Amino acid sequence: MTVLDTQPPESVPEEAITALQDSSDSQLSDIVHYAQQLLREHPPLTEAIEAREGEALVRTEDHGAYTIVVVERPDETGEGRGPFAYRVQWEPDIEGEGGKYRWHYLGKVFDSERTVSEA
C-alpha cells in the first residue's frame, strides 16, 4: 500500500496511525466500518448534558468534539436571566478513569437563533 502525503489529526495515537498506514485497502475498509459502528453505539454528547443548578437548557447543538449549549436562569430577572451560550466538552481524567464536562462561557445570546456576544 502506498502512503499518501496526508497529515493525521493530532488527537490520533501514533500506534493507530502506524497500524492504519500499514493496512491494506480491504483492512482499511473494515476499520472504517468498525469505527462507524462504534460511533453509532456512543450516544451524542448532547444526550448526556444536563442543566446545571439554577439553569434550564434552551437548546443544544452537537458539533462533534464539543456541544454548544444555550441556557436560561429561570429564577433570575432582566439581563441575569439569559439566555447564555456555552461550549461544552468532555475532558477525561488523566488516569483514563471518568472525567467531567467543561463549560466555557461564550456570551449572552441576543436572538433566538445564533448571535452570541463574546464576553
N, C-alpha and C. Protein backbone atom coordinates (compact mmCIF):
# COMPACT_ATOMS: atom_id res chain seq x y z
N MET A 1 0.85 -1.18 0.00
CA MET A 1 0.00 0.00 0.00
C MET A 1 0.89 1.24 0.00
N THR A 2 0.51 2.23 -0.76
CA THR A 2 1.26 3.48 -0.83
C THR A 2 0.72 4.46 0.20
N VAL A 3 1.60 5.04 0.98
CA VAL A 3 1.20 6.03 1.97
C VAL A 3 1.19 7.39 1.30
N LEU A 4 0.06 8.06 1.40
CA LEU A 4 -0.08 9.37 0.80
C LEU A 4 0.50 10.43 1.72
N ASP A 5 0.62 11.61 1.20
CA ASP A 5 1.17 12.73 1.95
C ASP A 5 0.07 13.41 2.78
N THR A 6 -0.60 12.63 3.63
CA THR A 6 -1.68 13.19 4.45
C THR A 6 -1.21 13.33 5.88
N GLN A 7 -1.73 14.34 6.55
CA GLN A 7 -1.39 14.59 7.94
C GLN A 7 -2.53 14.10 8.82
N PRO A 8 -2.25 13.15 9.71
CA PRO A 8 -3.31 12.67 10.60
C PRO A 8 -3.63 13.72 11.66
N PRO A 9 -4.84 13.69 12.19
CA PRO A 9 -5.17 14.62 13.28
C PRO A 9 -4.26 14.38 14.48
N GLU A 10 -3.96 15.45 15.20
CA GLU A 10 -3.07 15.35 16.35
C GLU A 10 -3.63 14.44 17.44
N SER A 11 -4.96 14.29 17.49
CA SER A 11 -5.58 13.51 18.55
C SER A 11 -5.49 12.00 18.33
N VAL A 12 -5.03 11.57 17.14
CA VAL A 12 -4.93 10.14 16.86
C VAL A 12 -3.61 9.61 17.41
N PRO A 13 -3.66 8.55 18.24
CA PRO A 13 -2.43 7.98 18.80
C PRO A 13 -1.49 7.46 17.71
N GLU A 14 -0.20 7.59 17.96
CA GLU A 14 0.83 7.16 17.00
C GLU A 14 0.66 5.69 16.62
N GLU A 15 0.29 4.85 17.60
CA GLU A 15 0.10 3.41 17.32
C GLU A 15 -1.01 3.20 16.28
N ALA A 16 -2.09 3.98 16.41
CA ALA A 16 -3.19 3.85 15.47
C ALA A 16 -2.78 4.33 14.08
N ILE A 17 -2.02 5.41 14.03
CA ILE A 17 -1.55 5.94 12.74
C ILE A 17 -0.70 4.89 12.03
N THR A 18 0.23 4.30 12.76
CA THR A 18 1.10 3.27 12.17
C THR A 18 0.28 2.08 11.69
N ALA A 19 -0.66 1.62 12.52
CA ALA A 19 -1.49 0.48 12.14
C ALA A 19 -2.31 0.79 10.89
N LEU A 20 -2.87 1.99 10.80
CA LEU A 20 -3.66 2.37 9.63
C LEU A 20 -2.79 2.45 8.38
N GLN A 21 -1.60 3.05 8.51
CA GLN A 21 -0.72 3.18 7.35
C GLN A 21 -0.24 1.82 6.84
N ASP A 22 -0.14 0.84 7.74
CA ASP A 22 0.32 -0.49 7.34
C ASP A 22 -0.81 -1.40 6.86
N SER A 23 -2.05 -0.90 6.86
CA SER A 23 -3.21 -1.72 6.49
C SER A 23 -3.45 -1.71 4.99
N SER A 24 -4.00 -2.82 4.51
CA SER A 24 -4.38 -2.92 3.10
C SER A 24 -5.69 -2.16 2.89
N ASP A 25 -6.06 -1.97 1.64
CA ASP A 25 -7.32 -1.30 1.33
C ASP A 25 -8.51 -2.04 1.95
N SER A 26 -8.49 -3.35 1.88
CA SER A 26 -9.56 -4.16 2.45
C SER A 26 -9.61 -4.00 3.98
N GLN A 27 -8.45 -4.00 4.61
CA GLN A 27 -8.41 -3.81 6.06
C GLN A 27 -8.90 -2.40 6.44
N LEU A 28 -8.49 -1.39 5.68
CA LEU A 28 -8.96 -0.03 5.95
C LEU A 28 -10.48 0.07 5.85
N SER A 29 -11.04 -0.59 4.85
CA SER A 29 -12.49 -0.59 4.70
C SER A 29 -13.16 -1.22 5.91
N ASP A 30 -12.61 -2.34 6.39
CA ASP A 30 -13.15 -3.00 7.58
C ASP A 30 -13.00 -2.10 8.82
N ILE A 31 -11.89 -1.39 8.92
CA ILE A 31 -11.65 -0.49 10.04
C ILE A 31 -12.67 0.65 10.03
N VAL A 32 -12.91 1.23 8.86
CA VAL A 32 -13.89 2.32 8.74
C VAL A 32 -15.27 1.81 9.15
N HIS A 33 -15.65 0.64 8.68
CA HIS A 33 -16.94 0.05 9.04
C HIS A 33 -17.04 -0.15 10.55
N TYR A 34 -16.00 -0.68 11.16
CA TYR A 34 -15.98 -0.91 12.60
C TYR A 34 -16.06 0.42 13.36
N ALA A 35 -15.32 1.42 12.93
CA ALA A 35 -15.34 2.73 13.58
C ALA A 35 -16.74 3.36 13.49
N GLN A 36 -17.40 3.20 12.35
CA GLN A 36 -18.76 3.72 12.20
C GLN A 36 -19.72 3.03 13.16
N GLN A 37 -19.55 1.72 13.36
CA GLN A 37 -20.38 1.00 14.32
C GLN A 37 -20.16 1.54 15.73
N LEU A 38 -18.90 1.77 16.09
CA LEU A 38 -18.59 2.30 17.42
C LEU A 38 -19.22 3.67 17.62
N LEU A 39 -19.15 4.52 16.60
CA LEU A 39 -19.74 5.86 16.70
C LEU A 39 -21.25 5.79 16.89
N ARG A 40 -21.91 4.87 16.21
CA ARG A 40 -23.36 4.73 16.35
C ARG A 40 -23.73 4.27 17.75
N GLU A 41 -22.85 3.48 18.39
CA GLU A 41 -23.14 2.96 19.73
C GLU A 41 -22.93 3.99 20.82
N HIS A 42 -22.12 5.03 20.57
CA HIS A 42 -21.88 6.07 21.55
C HIS A 42 -22.98 7.11 21.45
N PRO A 43 -23.65 7.41 22.57
CA PRO A 43 -24.66 8.46 22.48
C PRO A 43 -23.99 9.80 22.24
N PRO A 44 -24.63 10.68 21.50
CA PRO A 44 -24.04 12.00 21.29
C PRO A 44 -23.91 12.74 22.62
N LEU A 45 -22.94 13.62 22.68
CA LEU A 45 -22.69 14.41 23.88
C LEU A 45 -23.95 15.16 24.30
N THR A 46 -24.75 15.59 23.33
CA THR A 46 -25.94 16.37 23.65
C THR A 46 -26.93 15.59 24.51
N GLU A 47 -26.96 14.27 24.40
CA GLU A 47 -27.88 13.46 25.21
C GLU A 47 -27.41 13.34 26.64
N ALA A 48 -26.14 13.53 26.91
CA ALA A 48 -25.59 13.36 28.24
C ALA A 48 -25.53 14.66 29.04
N ILE A 49 -25.64 15.79 28.38
CA ILE A 49 -25.52 17.08 29.07
C ILE A 49 -26.82 17.38 29.80
N GLU A 50 -26.67 17.73 31.07
CA GLU A 50 -27.83 18.11 31.87
C GLU A 50 -27.65 19.54 32.35
N ALA A 51 -28.77 20.20 32.58
CA ALA A 51 -28.72 21.58 33.08
C ALA A 51 -28.05 21.61 34.45
N ARG A 52 -27.30 22.66 34.68
CA ARG A 52 -26.68 22.86 35.98
C ARG A 52 -27.69 23.48 36.93
N GLU A 53 -27.37 23.48 38.20
CA GLU A 53 -28.29 24.02 39.20
C GLU A 53 -28.64 25.48 38.88
N GLY A 54 -29.93 25.78 38.90
CA GLY A 54 -30.39 27.14 38.64
C GLY A 54 -30.51 27.49 37.18
N GLU A 55 -30.24 26.53 36.29
CA GLU A 55 -30.31 26.79 34.85
C GLU A 55 -31.25 25.80 34.18
N ALA A 56 -31.81 26.22 33.06
CA ALA A 56 -32.65 25.36 32.24
C ALA A 56 -32.08 25.36 30.82
N LEU A 57 -31.98 24.17 30.22
CA LEU A 57 -31.49 24.07 28.85
C LEU A 57 -32.52 24.65 27.89
N VAL A 58 -32.08 25.53 27.01
CA VAL A 58 -32.93 26.08 25.97
C VAL A 58 -32.76 25.25 24.71
N ARG A 59 -31.50 25.00 24.34
CA ARG A 59 -31.21 24.15 23.18
C ARG A 59 -29.74 23.71 23.23
N THR A 60 -29.45 22.65 22.48
CA THR A 60 -28.09 22.16 22.33
C THR A 60 -27.82 21.94 20.85
N GLU A 61 -26.58 22.16 20.45
CA GLU A 61 -26.15 21.94 19.05
C GLU A 61 -24.90 21.09 19.08
N ASP A 62 -25.00 19.87 18.56
CA ASP A 62 -23.86 18.95 18.54
C ASP A 62 -22.91 19.34 17.41
N HIS A 63 -21.63 19.56 17.76
CA HIS A 63 -20.61 19.90 16.78
C HIS A 63 -19.47 18.86 16.80
N GLY A 64 -19.80 17.64 17.18
CA GLY A 64 -18.80 16.59 17.21
C GLY A 64 -17.97 16.60 18.48
N ALA A 65 -16.85 17.29 18.47
CA ALA A 65 -15.94 17.30 19.62
C ALA A 65 -16.46 18.18 20.76
N TYR A 66 -17.42 19.02 20.47
CA TYR A 66 -17.99 19.88 21.51
C TYR A 66 -19.46 20.11 21.19
N THR A 67 -20.17 20.67 22.16
CA THR A 67 -21.58 20.98 22.00
C THR A 67 -21.80 22.43 22.43
N ILE A 68 -22.57 23.15 21.65
CA ILE A 68 -22.99 24.49 22.05
C ILE A 68 -24.28 24.31 22.86
N VAL A 69 -24.28 24.88 24.06
CA VAL A 69 -25.43 24.77 24.95
C VAL A 69 -25.92 26.18 25.26
N VAL A 70 -27.21 26.40 25.10
CA VAL A 70 -27.82 27.67 25.46
C VAL A 70 -28.72 27.42 26.66
N VAL A 71 -28.52 28.23 27.71
CA VAL A 71 -29.28 28.07 28.95
C VAL A 71 -29.94 29.39 29.35
N GLU A 72 -30.98 29.25 30.16
CA GLU A 72 -31.60 30.39 30.82
C GLU A 72 -31.60 30.11 32.31
N ARG A 73 -31.68 31.19 33.07
CA ARG A 73 -31.76 31.08 34.53
C ARG A 73 -33.15 31.56 34.94
N PRO A 74 -34.10 30.62 35.07
CA PRO A 74 -35.50 30.99 35.29
C PRO A 74 -35.74 31.77 36.58
N ASP A 75 -34.91 31.63 37.58
CA ASP A 75 -35.12 32.34 38.84
C ASP A 75 -34.57 33.76 38.81
N GLU A 76 -33.88 34.13 37.74
CA GLU A 76 -33.30 35.47 37.61
C GLU A 76 -34.26 36.37 36.82
N THR A 77 -34.00 37.66 36.88
CA THR A 77 -34.78 38.61 36.09
C THR A 77 -33.83 39.48 35.27
N GLY A 78 -34.38 40.11 34.26
CA GLY A 78 -33.59 41.03 33.42
C GLY A 78 -32.43 40.33 32.73
N GLU A 79 -31.29 41.03 32.67
CA GLU A 79 -30.10 40.52 31.98
C GLU A 79 -29.59 39.22 32.59
N GLY A 80 -29.81 39.03 33.88
CA GLY A 80 -29.31 37.83 34.56
C GLY A 80 -30.04 36.56 34.16
N ARG A 81 -31.18 36.71 33.49
CA ARG A 81 -31.97 35.53 33.09
C ARG A 81 -31.35 34.83 31.88
N GLY A 82 -30.70 35.59 31.00
CA GLY A 82 -30.12 34.99 29.81
C GLY A 82 -30.97 35.24 28.60
N PRO A 83 -30.85 34.45 27.59
CA PRO A 83 -30.09 33.19 27.54
C PRO A 83 -28.58 33.42 27.35
N PHE A 84 -27.81 32.41 27.78
CA PHE A 84 -26.36 32.43 27.69
C PHE A 84 -25.88 31.20 26.93
N ALA A 85 -24.81 31.37 26.15
CA ALA A 85 -24.26 30.27 25.36
C ALA A 85 -22.95 29.79 25.98
N TYR A 86 -22.76 28.46 25.93
CA TYR A 86 -21.54 27.82 26.42
C TYR A 86 -21.08 26.80 25.40
N ARG A 87 -19.76 26.59 25.34
CA ARG A 87 -19.20 25.46 24.60
C ARG A 87 -18.88 24.41 25.65
N VAL A 88 -19.44 23.23 25.49
CA VAL A 88 -19.27 22.16 26.47
C VAL A 88 -18.48 21.03 25.83
N GLN A 89 -17.43 20.60 26.53
CA GLN A 89 -16.60 19.49 26.05
C GLN A 89 -16.38 18.51 27.19
N TRP A 90 -16.27 17.25 26.85
CA TRP A 90 -15.94 16.21 27.81
C TRP A 90 -14.42 16.14 27.93
N GLU A 91 -13.92 16.20 29.16
CA GLU A 91 -12.49 16.08 29.39
C GLU A 91 -12.25 14.87 30.27
N PRO A 92 -11.63 13.83 29.71
CA PRO A 92 -11.35 12.64 30.50
C PRO A 92 -10.27 12.93 31.55
N ASP A 93 -10.33 12.18 32.66
CA ASP A 93 -9.29 12.30 33.67
C ASP A 93 -7.96 11.82 33.10
N ILE A 94 -6.87 12.32 33.65
CA ILE A 94 -5.54 11.94 33.20
C ILE A 94 -5.33 10.44 33.33
N GLU A 95 -5.88 9.85 34.38
CA GLU A 95 -5.74 8.41 34.62
C GLU A 95 -6.59 7.58 33.67
N GLY A 96 -7.46 8.22 32.92
CA GLY A 96 -8.31 7.50 31.97
C GLY A 96 -9.58 6.96 32.60
N GLU A 97 -9.79 7.23 33.87
CA GLU A 97 -11.00 6.78 34.56
C GLU A 97 -11.94 7.96 34.73
N GLY A 98 -13.07 7.94 34.08
CA GLY A 98 -14.04 9.00 34.23
C GLY A 98 -13.63 10.29 33.55
N GLY A 99 -14.13 11.39 34.09
CA GLY A 99 -13.86 12.70 33.54
C GLY A 99 -14.98 13.64 33.93
N LYS A 100 -15.02 14.81 33.30
CA LYS A 100 -16.09 15.77 33.59
C LYS A 100 -16.31 16.68 32.40
N TYR A 101 -17.48 17.32 32.42
CA TYR A 101 -17.80 18.27 31.37
C TYR A 101 -17.22 19.63 31.74
N ARG A 102 -16.59 20.28 30.77
CA ARG A 102 -16.06 21.63 30.95
C ARG A 102 -16.98 22.59 30.20
N TRP A 103 -17.48 23.57 30.91
CA TRP A 103 -18.36 24.58 30.34
C TRP A 103 -17.55 25.85 30.13
N HIS A 104 -17.45 26.30 28.89
CA HIS A 104 -16.72 27.53 28.56
C HIS A 104 -17.74 28.58 28.12
N TYR A 105 -17.81 29.66 28.88
CA TYR A 105 -18.79 30.72 28.60
C TYR A 105 -18.46 31.42 27.29
N LEU A 106 -19.44 31.51 26.40
CA LEU A 106 -19.27 32.20 25.12
C LEU A 106 -19.88 33.60 25.14
N GLY A 107 -21.00 33.76 25.82
CA GLY A 107 -21.61 35.08 25.88
C GLY A 107 -23.12 35.02 25.92
N LYS A 108 -23.72 36.18 25.99
CA LYS A 108 -25.17 36.30 26.01
C LYS A 108 -25.69 36.12 24.59
N VAL A 109 -26.78 35.41 24.47
CA VAL A 109 -27.43 35.20 23.18
C VAL A 109 -28.46 36.30 23.00
N PHE A 110 -28.36 37.04 21.88
CA PHE A 110 -29.25 38.18 21.67
C PHE A 110 -30.44 37.88 20.79
N ASP A 111 -30.37 36.88 19.94
CA ASP A 111 -31.57 36.45 19.23
C ASP A 111 -31.70 34.96 19.42
N SER A 112 -32.85 34.44 19.09
CA SER A 112 -33.12 33.04 19.40
C SER A 112 -32.39 32.06 18.51
N GLU A 113 -31.68 32.52 17.50
CA GLU A 113 -31.03 31.60 16.59
C GLU A 113 -29.53 31.47 16.79
N ARG A 114 -28.73 32.52 16.64
CA ARG A 114 -27.30 32.35 16.58
C ARG A 114 -26.46 33.37 17.33
N THR A 115 -26.83 34.64 17.31
CA THR A 115 -25.92 35.70 17.70
C THR A 115 -25.51 35.59 19.17
N VAL A 116 -24.20 35.53 19.40
CA VAL A 116 -23.65 35.46 20.74
C VAL A 116 -22.69 36.62 20.90
N SER A 117 -22.82 37.34 21.99
CA SER A 117 -21.88 38.42 22.29
C SER A 117 -20.75 37.86 23.10
N GLU A 118 -19.53 37.99 22.60
CA GLU A 118 -18.36 37.48 23.34
C GLU A 118 -18.16 38.21 24.65
N ALA A 119 -17.77 37.46 25.65
CA ALA A 119 -17.52 38.05 26.97
C ALA A 119 -16.16 38.68 27.01
